[in-house]
């Protein structure tokens, strides 16, 4: 699951085509295929669009807490919308909002210039021989799971090469990608989901 966030033309509602191509990697992205090497690589696109995993959502809600700019109607109630708080706003209106959210995340999870470590919980699956089984395999394949164990571990909130890992630094990166789009087209209107 993820957020698909677009910067749209105010009049036509079409997704804005930026004046320069860019490579912004999110949860999903356009890719080029090289038939010689049989590999995919991120494609440069002009579309003002970014996909962000929901894994980062808790950071956005947390950083938007008590900031009325991020509150709006959610099923008839006024709620914290997290990153969705930029929807309906112009690129120009969103720049300070996005910078504030990034700064709040960093301030909470970075101390004395270093990313803090937080305690996480994870479910580990084991087969009949006691070997750890990949969670996706355990759920979607015929592998017989003999044991399921909840473990605790520490994880740095800093950058992680695994895009899907929910860390503060990973959550901040897409915020700066959205800021870049907003600065290129401050007249655009954010839409998403």
N, C-alpha and C. Protein backbone atom coordinates (compact mmCIF):
# COMPACT_ATOMS: atom_id res chain seq x y z
N UNK A 1 0.85 -1.16 0.00
CA UNK A 1 0.00 0.00 0.00
C UNK A 1 0.89 1.23 0.00
N UNK A 2 0.37 2.29 -0.62
CA UNK A 2 1.20 3.48 -0.75
C UNK A 2 0.36 4.71 -1.07
N UNK A 3 1.03 5.85 -0.97
CA UNK A 3 0.46 7.12 -1.40
C UNK A 3 0.95 7.38 -2.82
N UNK A 4 0.07 7.69 -3.74
CA UNK A 4 0.45 8.20 -5.06
C UNK A 4 0.14 9.69 -5.00
N UNK A 5 1.17 10.53 -5.06
CA UNK A 5 1.00 11.97 -4.91
C UNK A 5 1.37 12.65 -6.22
N UNK A 6 0.46 13.48 -6.71
CA UNK A 6 0.62 14.17 -8.00
C UNK A 6 0.52 15.67 -7.80
N UNK A 7 1.26 16.42 -8.61
CA UNK A 7 1.11 17.86 -8.70
C UNK A 7 0.36 18.11 -10.00
N UNK A 8 -0.84 18.68 -9.89
CA UNK A 8 -1.74 18.80 -11.04
C UNK A 8 -1.87 20.24 -11.52
N UNK A 9 -2.20 20.37 -12.81
CA UNK A 9 -2.52 21.67 -13.40
C UNK A 9 -3.82 22.16 -12.78
N UNK A 10 -3.86 23.42 -12.40
CA UNK A 10 -5.03 23.99 -11.73
C UNK A 10 -6.27 23.95 -12.63
N UNK A 11 -6.14 24.30 -13.89
CA UNK A 11 -7.31 24.42 -14.78
C UNK A 11 -7.72 23.07 -15.36
N UNK A 12 -6.79 22.35 -15.97
CA UNK A 12 -7.13 21.10 -16.66
C UNK A 12 -7.23 19.90 -15.72
N UNK A 13 -6.52 19.95 -14.60
CA UNK A 13 -6.48 18.80 -13.70
C UNK A 13 -5.50 17.73 -14.13
N UNK A 14 -4.79 17.98 -15.23
CA UNK A 14 -3.80 17.01 -15.71
C UNK A 14 -2.56 17.04 -14.82
N UNK A 15 -1.88 15.91 -14.73
CA UNK A 15 -0.62 15.87 -14.00
C UNK A 15 0.38 16.76 -14.71
N UNK A 16 1.07 17.57 -13.97
CA UNK A 16 2.04 18.51 -14.53
C UNK A 16 3.23 17.75 -15.12
N UNK A 17 3.68 18.22 -16.27
CA UNK A 17 4.90 17.73 -16.87
C UNK A 17 5.98 18.76 -16.54
N UNK A 18 6.97 18.34 -15.78
CA UNK A 18 8.02 19.25 -15.34
C UNK A 18 8.92 19.64 -16.51
N UNK A 19 9.61 20.78 -16.42
CA UNK A 19 10.44 21.24 -17.54
C UNK A 19 11.69 20.39 -17.74
N UNK A 20 12.06 19.60 -16.74
CA UNK A 20 13.24 18.74 -16.86
C UNK A 20 12.88 17.34 -16.41
N UNK A 21 13.57 16.36 -16.98
CA UNK A 21 13.37 14.98 -16.53
C UNK A 21 14.07 14.78 -15.19
N UNK A 22 13.53 13.89 -14.39
CA UNK A 22 14.08 13.60 -13.08
C UNK A 22 13.94 12.11 -12.79
N UNK A 23 14.76 11.64 -11.87
CA UNK A 23 14.65 10.26 -11.39
C UNK A 23 14.36 10.35 -9.90
N UNK A 24 13.14 10.01 -9.55
CA UNK A 24 12.74 9.96 -8.15
C UNK A 24 12.19 8.58 -7.89
N UNK A 25 12.89 7.86 -7.03
CA UNK A 25 12.51 6.48 -6.77
C UNK A 25 11.64 6.43 -5.52
N UNK A 26 10.49 5.82 -5.67
CA UNK A 26 9.58 5.64 -4.55
C UNK A 26 9.23 4.17 -4.43
N UNK A 27 8.06 3.90 -3.86
CA UNK A 27 7.61 2.52 -3.72
C UNK A 27 7.42 1.85 -5.07
N UNK A 28 6.90 2.61 -6.01
CA UNK A 28 6.84 2.17 -7.40
C UNK A 28 7.39 3.31 -8.24
N UNK A 29 7.91 2.99 -9.39
CA UNK A 29 8.45 4.01 -10.28
C UNK A 29 8.59 3.42 -11.68
N UNK A 30 8.70 4.30 -12.65
CA UNK A 30 8.87 3.84 -14.02
C UNK A 30 10.30 3.35 -14.20
N UNK A 31 10.45 2.31 -14.99
CA UNK A 31 11.78 1.73 -15.19
C UNK A 31 12.04 1.48 -16.66
N UNK A 32 13.32 1.50 -17.01
CA UNK A 32 13.78 1.12 -18.35
C UNK A 32 14.35 -0.29 -18.25
N UNK A 33 14.16 -1.08 -19.32
CA UNK A 33 14.69 -2.43 -19.35
C UNK A 33 15.80 -2.50 -20.38
N UNK A 34 16.93 -3.07 -19.96
CA UNK A 34 18.07 -3.27 -20.86
C UNK A 34 18.07 -4.74 -21.27
N UNK A 35 17.71 -5.05 -22.54
CA UNK A 35 17.64 -6.45 -22.95
C UNK A 35 19.01 -7.14 -23.00
N UNK A 36 20.07 -6.38 -23.11
CA UNK A 36 21.41 -6.97 -23.15
C UNK A 36 21.79 -7.50 -21.76
N UNK A 37 21.63 -6.66 -20.75
CA UNK A 37 21.99 -7.08 -19.39
C UNK A 37 20.82 -7.73 -18.65
N UNK A 38 19.63 -7.62 -19.25
CA UNK A 38 18.41 -8.15 -18.65
C UNK A 38 18.16 -7.55 -17.26
N UNK A 39 18.37 -6.24 -17.16
CA UNK A 39 18.17 -5.55 -15.89
C UNK A 39 17.27 -4.33 -16.09
N UNK A 40 16.64 -3.95 -15.00
CA UNK A 40 15.82 -2.75 -14.98
C UNK A 40 16.58 -1.64 -14.26
N UNK A 41 16.33 -0.41 -14.68
CA UNK A 41 16.89 0.76 -13.98
C UNK A 41 15.83 1.85 -13.97
N UNK A 42 15.87 2.72 -12.96
CA UNK A 42 14.87 3.80 -12.88
C UNK A 42 14.90 4.66 -14.14
N UNK A 43 13.72 4.99 -14.64
CA UNK A 43 13.61 5.82 -15.85
C UNK A 43 13.47 7.28 -15.46
N UNK A 44 14.10 8.15 -16.22
CA UNK A 44 13.92 9.59 -16.03
C UNK A 44 12.57 9.97 -16.62
N UNK A 45 11.77 10.69 -15.85
CA UNK A 45 10.43 11.09 -16.29
C UNK A 45 10.23 12.58 -16.08
N UNK A 46 9.23 13.13 -16.72
CA UNK A 46 8.87 14.54 -16.52
C UNK A 46 7.62 14.69 -15.65
N UNK A 47 6.89 13.63 -15.45
CA UNK A 47 5.63 13.67 -14.70
C UNK A 47 5.88 14.05 -13.24
N UNK A 48 5.10 14.98 -12.70
CA UNK A 48 5.20 15.42 -11.30
C UNK A 48 4.40 14.44 -10.44
N UNK A 49 5.02 13.30 -10.19
CA UNK A 49 4.37 12.21 -9.48
C UNK A 49 5.39 11.49 -8.62
N UNK A 50 4.96 11.09 -7.42
CA UNK A 50 5.82 10.30 -6.55
C UNK A 50 4.95 9.32 -5.78
N UNK A 51 5.43 8.09 -5.72
CA UNK A 51 4.77 7.05 -4.92
C UNK A 51 5.58 6.88 -3.65
N UNK A 52 4.89 6.92 -2.50
CA UNK A 52 5.56 6.78 -1.20
C UNK A 52 4.89 5.65 -0.43
N UNK A 53 5.68 4.74 0.11
CA UNK A 53 5.12 3.64 0.88
C UNK A 53 4.40 4.14 2.12
N UNK A 54 3.31 3.46 2.47
CA UNK A 54 2.59 3.77 3.71
C UNK A 54 3.46 3.47 4.94
N UNK A 55 4.53 2.69 4.77
CA UNK A 55 5.39 2.37 5.90
C UNK A 55 5.88 3.64 6.61
N UNK A 56 5.98 4.76 5.88
CA UNK A 56 6.47 6.01 6.47
C UNK A 56 5.34 6.84 7.09
N UNK A 57 4.12 6.42 6.92
CA UNK A 57 2.96 7.21 7.35
C UNK A 57 2.99 7.65 8.79
N UNK A 58 3.43 6.78 9.69
CA UNK A 58 3.42 7.15 11.11
C UNK A 58 4.30 8.36 11.39
N UNK A 59 5.40 8.49 10.65
CA UNK A 59 6.27 9.66 10.83
C UNK A 59 5.55 10.94 10.40
N UNK A 60 4.79 10.85 9.32
CA UNK A 60 4.09 12.03 8.80
C UNK A 60 2.96 12.46 9.74
N UNK A 61 2.21 11.49 10.24
CA UNK A 61 1.14 11.82 11.20
C UNK A 61 1.72 12.43 12.47
N UNK A 62 2.79 11.82 12.94
CA UNK A 62 3.44 12.28 14.16
C UNK A 62 3.94 13.73 14.00
N UNK A 63 4.60 14.03 12.88
CA UNK A 63 5.16 15.35 12.64
C UNK A 63 4.09 16.40 12.36
N UNK A 64 2.93 15.97 11.89
CA UNK A 64 1.84 16.91 11.58
C UNK A 64 0.95 17.19 12.79
N UNK A 65 1.13 16.41 13.85
CA UNK A 65 0.29 16.56 15.04
C UNK A 65 0.32 18.00 15.56
N UNK A 66 -0.87 18.53 15.83
CA UNK A 66 -1.08 19.88 16.36
C UNK A 66 -0.70 21.01 15.40
N UNK A 67 -0.50 20.70 14.13
CA UNK A 67 -0.25 21.73 13.11
C UNK A 67 -1.51 21.82 12.27
N UNK A 68 -2.31 22.85 12.48
CA UNK A 68 -3.63 22.96 11.85
C UNK A 68 -3.58 22.92 10.33
N UNK A 69 -2.44 23.23 9.73
CA UNK A 69 -2.33 23.17 8.27
C UNK A 69 -2.52 21.75 7.74
N UNK A 70 -2.26 20.75 8.59
CA UNK A 70 -2.35 19.35 8.19
C UNK A 70 -3.67 18.69 8.60
N UNK A 71 -4.59 19.48 9.12
CA UNK A 71 -5.87 18.94 9.55
C UNK A 71 -6.94 19.25 8.51
N UNK A 72 -7.85 18.33 8.36
CA UNK A 72 -8.94 18.53 7.42
C UNK A 72 -10.02 17.51 7.62
N UNK A 73 -11.04 17.58 6.78
CA UNK A 73 -12.19 16.70 6.87
C UNK A 73 -11.80 15.29 6.45
N UNK A 74 -12.04 14.37 7.35
CA UNK A 74 -11.77 12.96 7.09
C UNK A 74 -13.00 12.19 7.55
N UNK A 75 -13.88 11.88 6.61
CA UNK A 75 -15.12 11.16 6.91
C UNK A 75 -16.01 11.94 7.88
N UNK A 76 -16.13 13.24 7.65
CA UNK A 76 -17.01 14.07 8.45
C UNK A 76 -16.43 14.58 9.75
N UNK A 77 -15.18 14.23 10.03
CA UNK A 77 -14.50 14.69 11.24
C UNK A 77 -13.24 15.44 10.84
N UNK A 78 -12.83 16.39 11.68
CA UNK A 78 -11.58 17.09 11.44
C UNK A 78 -10.46 16.27 12.10
N UNK A 79 -9.55 15.76 11.27
CA UNK A 79 -8.47 14.89 11.75
C UNK A 79 -7.13 15.32 11.18
N UNK A 80 -6.08 14.83 11.81
CA UNK A 80 -4.73 14.96 11.30
C UNK A 80 -4.64 14.10 10.04
N UNK A 81 -4.29 14.71 8.92
CA UNK A 81 -4.23 13.99 7.65
C UNK A 81 -2.82 13.53 7.29
N UNK A 82 -1.83 13.85 8.15
CA UNK A 82 -0.46 13.48 7.83
C UNK A 82 -0.03 14.11 6.52
N UNK A 83 0.66 13.35 5.67
CA UNK A 83 1.15 13.88 4.39
C UNK A 83 -0.02 14.32 3.49
N UNK A 84 -1.18 13.71 3.69
CA UNK A 84 -2.35 14.08 2.89
C UNK A 84 -2.80 15.52 3.16
N UNK A 85 -2.25 16.15 4.19
CA UNK A 85 -2.58 17.54 4.50
C UNK A 85 -2.20 18.50 3.39
N UNK A 86 -1.30 18.08 2.49
CA UNK A 86 -0.93 18.96 1.36
C UNK A 86 -1.93 18.86 0.21
N UNK A 87 -2.78 17.82 0.20
CA UNK A 87 -3.74 17.66 -0.89
C UNK A 87 -4.64 18.89 -0.96
N UNK A 88 -4.82 19.40 -2.17
CA UNK A 88 -5.66 20.58 -2.37
C UNK A 88 -4.90 21.89 -2.22
N UNK A 89 -3.66 21.82 -1.76
CA UNK A 89 -2.84 23.02 -1.59
C UNK A 89 -1.98 23.21 -2.84
N UNK A 90 -1.53 24.44 -3.03
CA UNK A 90 -0.62 24.70 -4.15
C UNK A 90 0.79 24.25 -3.77
N UNK A 91 1.62 24.11 -4.77
CA UNK A 91 3.02 23.81 -4.50
C UNK A 91 3.61 24.86 -3.59
N UNK A 92 3.31 26.14 -3.86
CA UNK A 92 3.85 27.25 -3.05
C UNK A 92 3.39 27.13 -1.59
N UNK A 93 2.12 26.83 -1.38
CA UNK A 93 1.60 26.69 0.00
C UNK A 93 2.25 25.51 0.73
N UNK A 94 2.59 24.46 -0.01
CA UNK A 94 3.08 23.24 0.61
C UNK A 94 4.55 23.28 1.00
N UNK A 95 5.32 24.15 0.40
CA UNK A 95 6.78 24.13 0.63
C UNK A 95 7.10 24.29 2.12
N UNK A 96 6.55 25.28 2.77
CA UNK A 96 6.85 25.47 4.20
C UNK A 96 6.30 24.31 5.03
N UNK A 97 5.14 23.77 4.63
CA UNK A 97 4.57 22.63 5.35
C UNK A 97 5.51 21.43 5.28
N UNK A 98 5.99 21.15 4.08
CA UNK A 98 6.86 20.00 3.88
C UNK A 98 8.20 20.18 4.59
N UNK A 99 8.75 21.39 4.52
CA UNK A 99 10.01 21.65 5.23
C UNK A 99 9.82 21.48 6.73
N UNK A 100 8.68 21.93 7.26
CA UNK A 100 8.42 21.80 8.69
C UNK A 100 8.29 20.33 9.10
N UNK A 101 7.61 19.55 8.29
CA UNK A 101 7.43 18.13 8.63
C UNK A 101 8.79 17.41 8.64
N UNK A 102 9.64 17.71 7.64
CA UNK A 102 10.97 17.09 7.59
C UNK A 102 11.80 17.49 8.80
N UNK A 103 11.75 18.76 9.18
CA UNK A 103 12.52 19.25 10.32
C UNK A 103 12.04 18.61 11.63
N UNK A 104 10.73 18.47 11.78
CA UNK A 104 10.19 17.85 13.00
C UNK A 104 10.61 16.39 13.13
N UNK A 105 10.59 15.68 12.03
CA UNK A 105 11.01 14.27 12.05
C UNK A 105 12.49 14.21 12.44
N UNK A 106 13.30 15.03 11.81
CA UNK A 106 14.73 15.03 12.11
C UNK A 106 14.99 15.42 13.57
N UNK A 107 14.31 16.45 14.05
CA UNK A 107 14.51 16.89 15.43
C UNK A 107 14.16 15.80 16.44
N UNK A 108 13.16 15.01 16.14
CA UNK A 108 12.75 13.96 17.08
C UNK A 108 13.70 12.76 17.05
N UNK A 109 14.21 12.41 15.89
CA UNK A 109 14.96 11.17 15.74
C UNK A 109 16.46 11.34 15.57
N UNK A 110 16.93 12.58 15.62
CA UNK A 110 18.37 12.83 15.52
C UNK A 110 18.80 13.64 16.73
N UNK A 111 19.76 13.13 17.48
CA UNK A 111 20.26 13.79 18.69
C UNK A 111 21.77 14.00 18.56
N UNK A 112 22.20 15.23 18.83
CA UNK A 112 23.62 15.58 18.74
C UNK A 112 24.23 15.16 17.40
N UNK A 113 23.47 15.35 16.33
CA UNK A 113 23.96 15.04 14.99
C UNK A 113 23.93 13.58 14.60
N UNK A 114 23.43 12.71 15.47
CA UNK A 114 23.39 11.27 15.19
C UNK A 114 21.95 10.77 15.22
N UNK A 115 21.63 9.87 14.32
CA UNK A 115 20.31 9.25 14.32
C UNK A 115 20.21 8.32 15.53
N UNK A 116 19.11 8.39 16.25
CA UNK A 116 18.92 7.53 17.42
C UNK A 116 18.52 6.13 16.97
N UNK A 117 18.59 5.20 17.90
CA UNK A 117 18.11 3.84 17.65
C UNK A 117 16.80 3.67 18.40
N UNK A 118 15.87 2.97 17.79
CA UNK A 118 14.59 2.69 18.43
C UNK A 118 14.40 1.18 18.50
N UNK A 119 13.59 0.75 19.45
CA UNK A 119 13.29 -0.67 19.61
C UNK A 119 12.11 -1.01 18.71
N UNK A 120 12.27 -2.06 17.96
CA UNK A 120 11.24 -2.53 17.05
C UNK A 120 10.86 -3.96 17.41
N UNK A 121 9.68 -4.35 16.96
CA UNK A 121 9.23 -5.74 17.11
C UNK A 121 9.00 -6.31 15.72
N UNK A 122 9.29 -7.59 15.61
CA UNK A 122 9.12 -8.26 14.33
C UNK A 122 8.72 -9.71 14.57
N UNK A 123 7.87 -10.22 13.72
CA UNK A 123 7.49 -11.62 13.80
C UNK A 123 8.45 -12.43 12.94
N UNK A 124 9.04 -13.45 13.54
CA UNK A 124 9.97 -14.33 12.84
C UNK A 124 9.30 -15.70 12.70
N UNK A 125 9.37 -16.25 11.50
CA UNK A 125 8.79 -17.57 11.23
C UNK A 125 9.90 -18.59 11.09
N UNK A 126 9.67 -19.79 11.65
CA UNK A 126 10.68 -20.86 11.57
C UNK A 126 10.03 -22.13 11.04
N UNK A 127 10.83 -22.87 10.26
CA UNK A 127 10.33 -24.14 9.74
C UNK A 127 10.54 -25.23 10.80
N UNK A 128 10.23 -26.47 10.44
CA UNK A 128 10.30 -27.58 11.39
C UNK A 128 11.72 -27.85 11.91
N UNK A 129 12.74 -27.44 11.13
CA UNK A 129 14.14 -27.63 11.57
C UNK A 129 14.64 -26.44 12.38
N UNK A 130 13.81 -25.43 12.58
CA UNK A 130 14.22 -24.26 13.35
C UNK A 130 14.88 -23.17 12.53
N UNK A 131 14.89 -23.34 11.20
CA UNK A 131 15.48 -22.34 10.32
C UNK A 131 14.50 -21.18 10.13
N UNK A 132 15.04 -19.96 10.12
CA UNK A 132 14.20 -18.78 9.89
C UNK A 132 13.75 -18.78 8.43
N UNK A 133 12.46 -18.56 8.25
CA UNK A 133 11.84 -18.55 6.92
C UNK A 133 11.44 -17.11 6.60
N UNK A 134 11.68 -16.67 5.38
CA UNK A 134 11.27 -15.34 4.94
C UNK A 134 9.77 -15.19 5.18
N UNK A 135 9.36 -14.04 5.73
CA UNK A 135 7.95 -13.84 6.11
C UNK A 135 7.02 -13.93 4.90
N UNK A 136 7.44 -13.46 3.75
CA UNK A 136 6.60 -13.55 2.55
C UNK A 136 6.42 -15.02 2.15
N UNK A 137 7.52 -15.77 2.19
CA UNK A 137 7.43 -17.20 1.88
C UNK A 137 6.53 -17.91 2.88
N UNK A 138 6.64 -17.54 4.16
CA UNK A 138 5.83 -18.17 5.20
C UNK A 138 4.34 -17.93 4.98
N UNK A 139 4.01 -16.77 4.47
CA UNK A 139 2.61 -16.41 4.28
C UNK A 139 2.05 -16.94 2.96
N UNK A 140 2.85 -16.85 1.88
CA UNK A 140 2.31 -17.12 0.54
C UNK A 140 2.79 -18.41 -0.12
N UNK A 141 3.61 -19.20 0.53
CA UNK A 141 4.07 -20.43 -0.12
C UNK A 141 3.63 -21.65 0.69
N UNK A 142 4.07 -22.80 0.23
CA UNK A 142 3.70 -24.06 0.87
C UNK A 142 4.64 -24.44 2.01
N UNK A 143 5.55 -23.55 2.37
CA UNK A 143 6.48 -23.85 3.46
C UNK A 143 5.69 -24.01 4.75
N UNK A 144 5.95 -25.11 5.44
CA UNK A 144 5.25 -25.36 6.70
C UNK A 144 5.97 -24.59 7.81
N UNK A 145 5.23 -23.71 8.44
CA UNK A 145 5.76 -22.93 9.56
C UNK A 145 5.47 -23.68 10.85
N UNK A 146 6.54 -24.01 11.58
CA UNK A 146 6.39 -24.75 12.82
C UNK A 146 6.33 -23.81 14.02
N UNK A 147 6.93 -22.63 13.88
CA UNK A 147 7.00 -21.71 15.01
C UNK A 147 6.93 -20.27 14.52
N UNK A 148 6.25 -19.46 15.30
CA UNK A 148 6.16 -18.03 15.02
C UNK A 148 6.58 -17.33 16.31
N UNK A 149 7.57 -16.45 16.20
CA UNK A 149 8.13 -15.81 17.39
C UNK A 149 8.19 -14.30 17.21
N UNK A 150 7.81 -13.57 18.24
CA UNK A 150 7.90 -12.11 18.25
C UNK A 150 9.24 -11.74 18.87
N UNK A 151 10.09 -11.03 18.11
CA UNK A 151 11.39 -10.63 18.64
C UNK A 151 11.49 -9.11 18.70
N UNK A 152 12.35 -8.62 19.57
CA UNK A 152 12.64 -7.19 19.65
C UNK A 152 14.06 -6.96 19.18
N UNK A 153 14.28 -5.83 18.50
CA UNK A 153 15.62 -5.48 18.04
C UNK A 153 15.73 -3.96 17.96
N UNK A 154 16.94 -3.47 17.95
CA UNK A 154 17.19 -2.04 17.80
C UNK A 154 17.49 -1.73 16.34
N UNK A 155 16.98 -0.58 15.90
CA UNK A 155 17.21 -0.15 14.52
C UNK A 155 17.53 1.34 14.51
N UNK A 156 18.55 1.70 13.76
CA UNK A 156 18.89 3.11 13.60
C UNK A 156 17.79 3.79 12.80
N UNK A 157 17.43 5.00 13.21
CA UNK A 157 16.44 5.80 12.47
C UNK A 157 17.08 6.50 11.27
N UNK A 158 18.36 6.24 11.02
CA UNK A 158 19.07 6.85 9.90
C UNK A 158 18.73 6.22 8.57
N UNK A 159 19.44 6.64 7.52
CA UNK A 159 19.18 6.10 6.18
C UNK A 159 19.38 4.59 6.15
N UNK A 160 18.53 3.92 5.41
CA UNK A 160 18.59 2.48 5.28
C UNK A 160 18.48 2.17 3.79
N UNK A 161 19.31 1.28 3.29
CA UNK A 161 19.29 0.96 1.86
C UNK A 161 18.03 0.21 1.46
N UNK A 162 17.32 -0.35 2.42
CA UNK A 162 16.04 -1.00 2.15
C UNK A 162 14.95 0.07 2.13
N UNK A 163 14.48 0.45 0.94
CA UNK A 163 13.47 1.49 0.81
C UNK A 163 12.27 1.25 1.72
N UNK A 164 11.89 0.01 1.90
CA UNK A 164 10.67 -0.34 2.63
C UNK A 164 10.83 -0.22 4.14
N UNK A 165 12.07 -0.15 4.63
CA UNK A 165 12.29 -0.06 6.07
C UNK A 165 11.85 1.32 6.57
N UNK A 166 10.95 1.31 7.51
CA UNK A 166 10.43 2.57 8.04
C UNK A 166 11.41 3.16 9.04
N UNK A 167 12.22 4.08 8.56
CA UNK A 167 13.12 4.85 9.43
C UNK A 167 12.83 6.33 9.18
N UNK A 168 13.22 7.15 10.13
CA UNK A 168 12.99 8.59 10.01
C UNK A 168 13.68 9.15 8.76
N UNK A 169 14.93 8.76 8.54
CA UNK A 169 15.67 9.27 7.38
C UNK A 169 15.02 8.82 6.07
N UNK A 170 14.58 7.57 6.01
CA UNK A 170 13.89 7.10 4.80
C UNK A 170 12.60 7.87 4.57
N UNK A 171 11.90 8.24 5.65
CA UNK A 171 10.64 8.98 5.53
C UNK A 171 10.87 10.42 5.08
N UNK A 172 12.01 10.99 5.43
CA UNK A 172 12.31 12.37 5.05
C UNK A 172 12.65 12.50 3.57
N UNK A 173 13.32 11.53 3.01
CA UNK A 173 13.77 11.61 1.62
C UNK A 173 12.64 11.97 0.64
N UNK A 174 11.48 11.30 0.68
CA UNK A 174 10.42 11.67 -0.26
C UNK A 174 9.87 13.08 -0.02
N UNK A 175 9.97 13.56 1.21
CA UNK A 175 9.51 14.93 1.50
C UNK A 175 10.31 15.92 0.67
N UNK A 176 11.63 15.72 0.60
CA UNK A 176 12.46 16.63 -0.19
C UNK A 176 12.22 16.47 -1.69
N UNK A 177 11.82 15.28 -2.11
CA UNK A 177 11.45 15.09 -3.52
C UNK A 177 10.18 15.89 -3.84
N UNK A 178 9.22 15.88 -2.92
CA UNK A 178 7.99 16.67 -3.12
C UNK A 178 8.31 18.17 -3.12
N UNK A 179 9.20 18.60 -2.24
CA UNK A 179 9.60 20.01 -2.20
C UNK A 179 10.21 20.42 -3.55
N UNK A 180 11.05 19.57 -4.11
CA UNK A 180 11.68 19.88 -5.40
C UNK A 180 10.62 20.09 -6.48
N UNK A 181 9.61 19.23 -6.50
CA UNK A 181 8.53 19.39 -7.49
C UNK A 181 7.77 20.69 -7.25
N UNK A 182 7.46 20.97 -5.98
CA UNK A 182 6.71 22.18 -5.64
C UNK A 182 7.48 23.44 -6.02
N UNK A 183 8.79 23.41 -5.86
CA UNK A 183 9.60 24.57 -6.23
C UNK A 183 9.65 24.78 -7.74
N UNK A 184 9.61 23.68 -8.50
CA UNK A 184 9.58 23.79 -9.97
C UNK A 184 8.24 24.30 -10.48
N UNK A 185 7.15 23.92 -9.81
CA UNK A 185 5.82 24.33 -10.24
C UNK A 185 4.98 24.75 -9.04
N UNK A 186 5.27 25.92 -8.47
CA UNK A 186 4.54 26.37 -7.29
C UNK A 186 3.06 26.63 -7.54
N UNK A 187 2.66 26.72 -8.81
CA UNK A 187 1.26 26.96 -9.15
C UNK A 187 0.42 25.68 -9.17
N UNK A 188 1.05 24.52 -9.15
CA UNK A 188 0.34 23.25 -9.22
C UNK A 188 -0.43 22.98 -7.94
N UNK A 189 -1.40 22.06 -8.03
CA UNK A 189 -2.24 21.65 -6.90
C UNK A 189 -1.96 20.19 -6.60
N UNK A 190 -1.72 19.88 -5.33
CA UNK A 190 -1.44 18.51 -4.93
C UNK A 190 -2.72 17.68 -4.87
N UNK A 191 -2.65 16.48 -5.40
CA UNK A 191 -3.70 15.48 -5.28
C UNK A 191 -3.03 14.15 -4.98
N UNK A 192 -3.81 13.23 -4.46
CA UNK A 192 -3.18 11.95 -4.20
C UNK A 192 -4.11 10.84 -3.78
N UNK A 193 -3.48 9.74 -3.53
CA UNK A 193 -3.95 8.46 -3.08
C UNK A 193 -4.26 7.58 -4.25
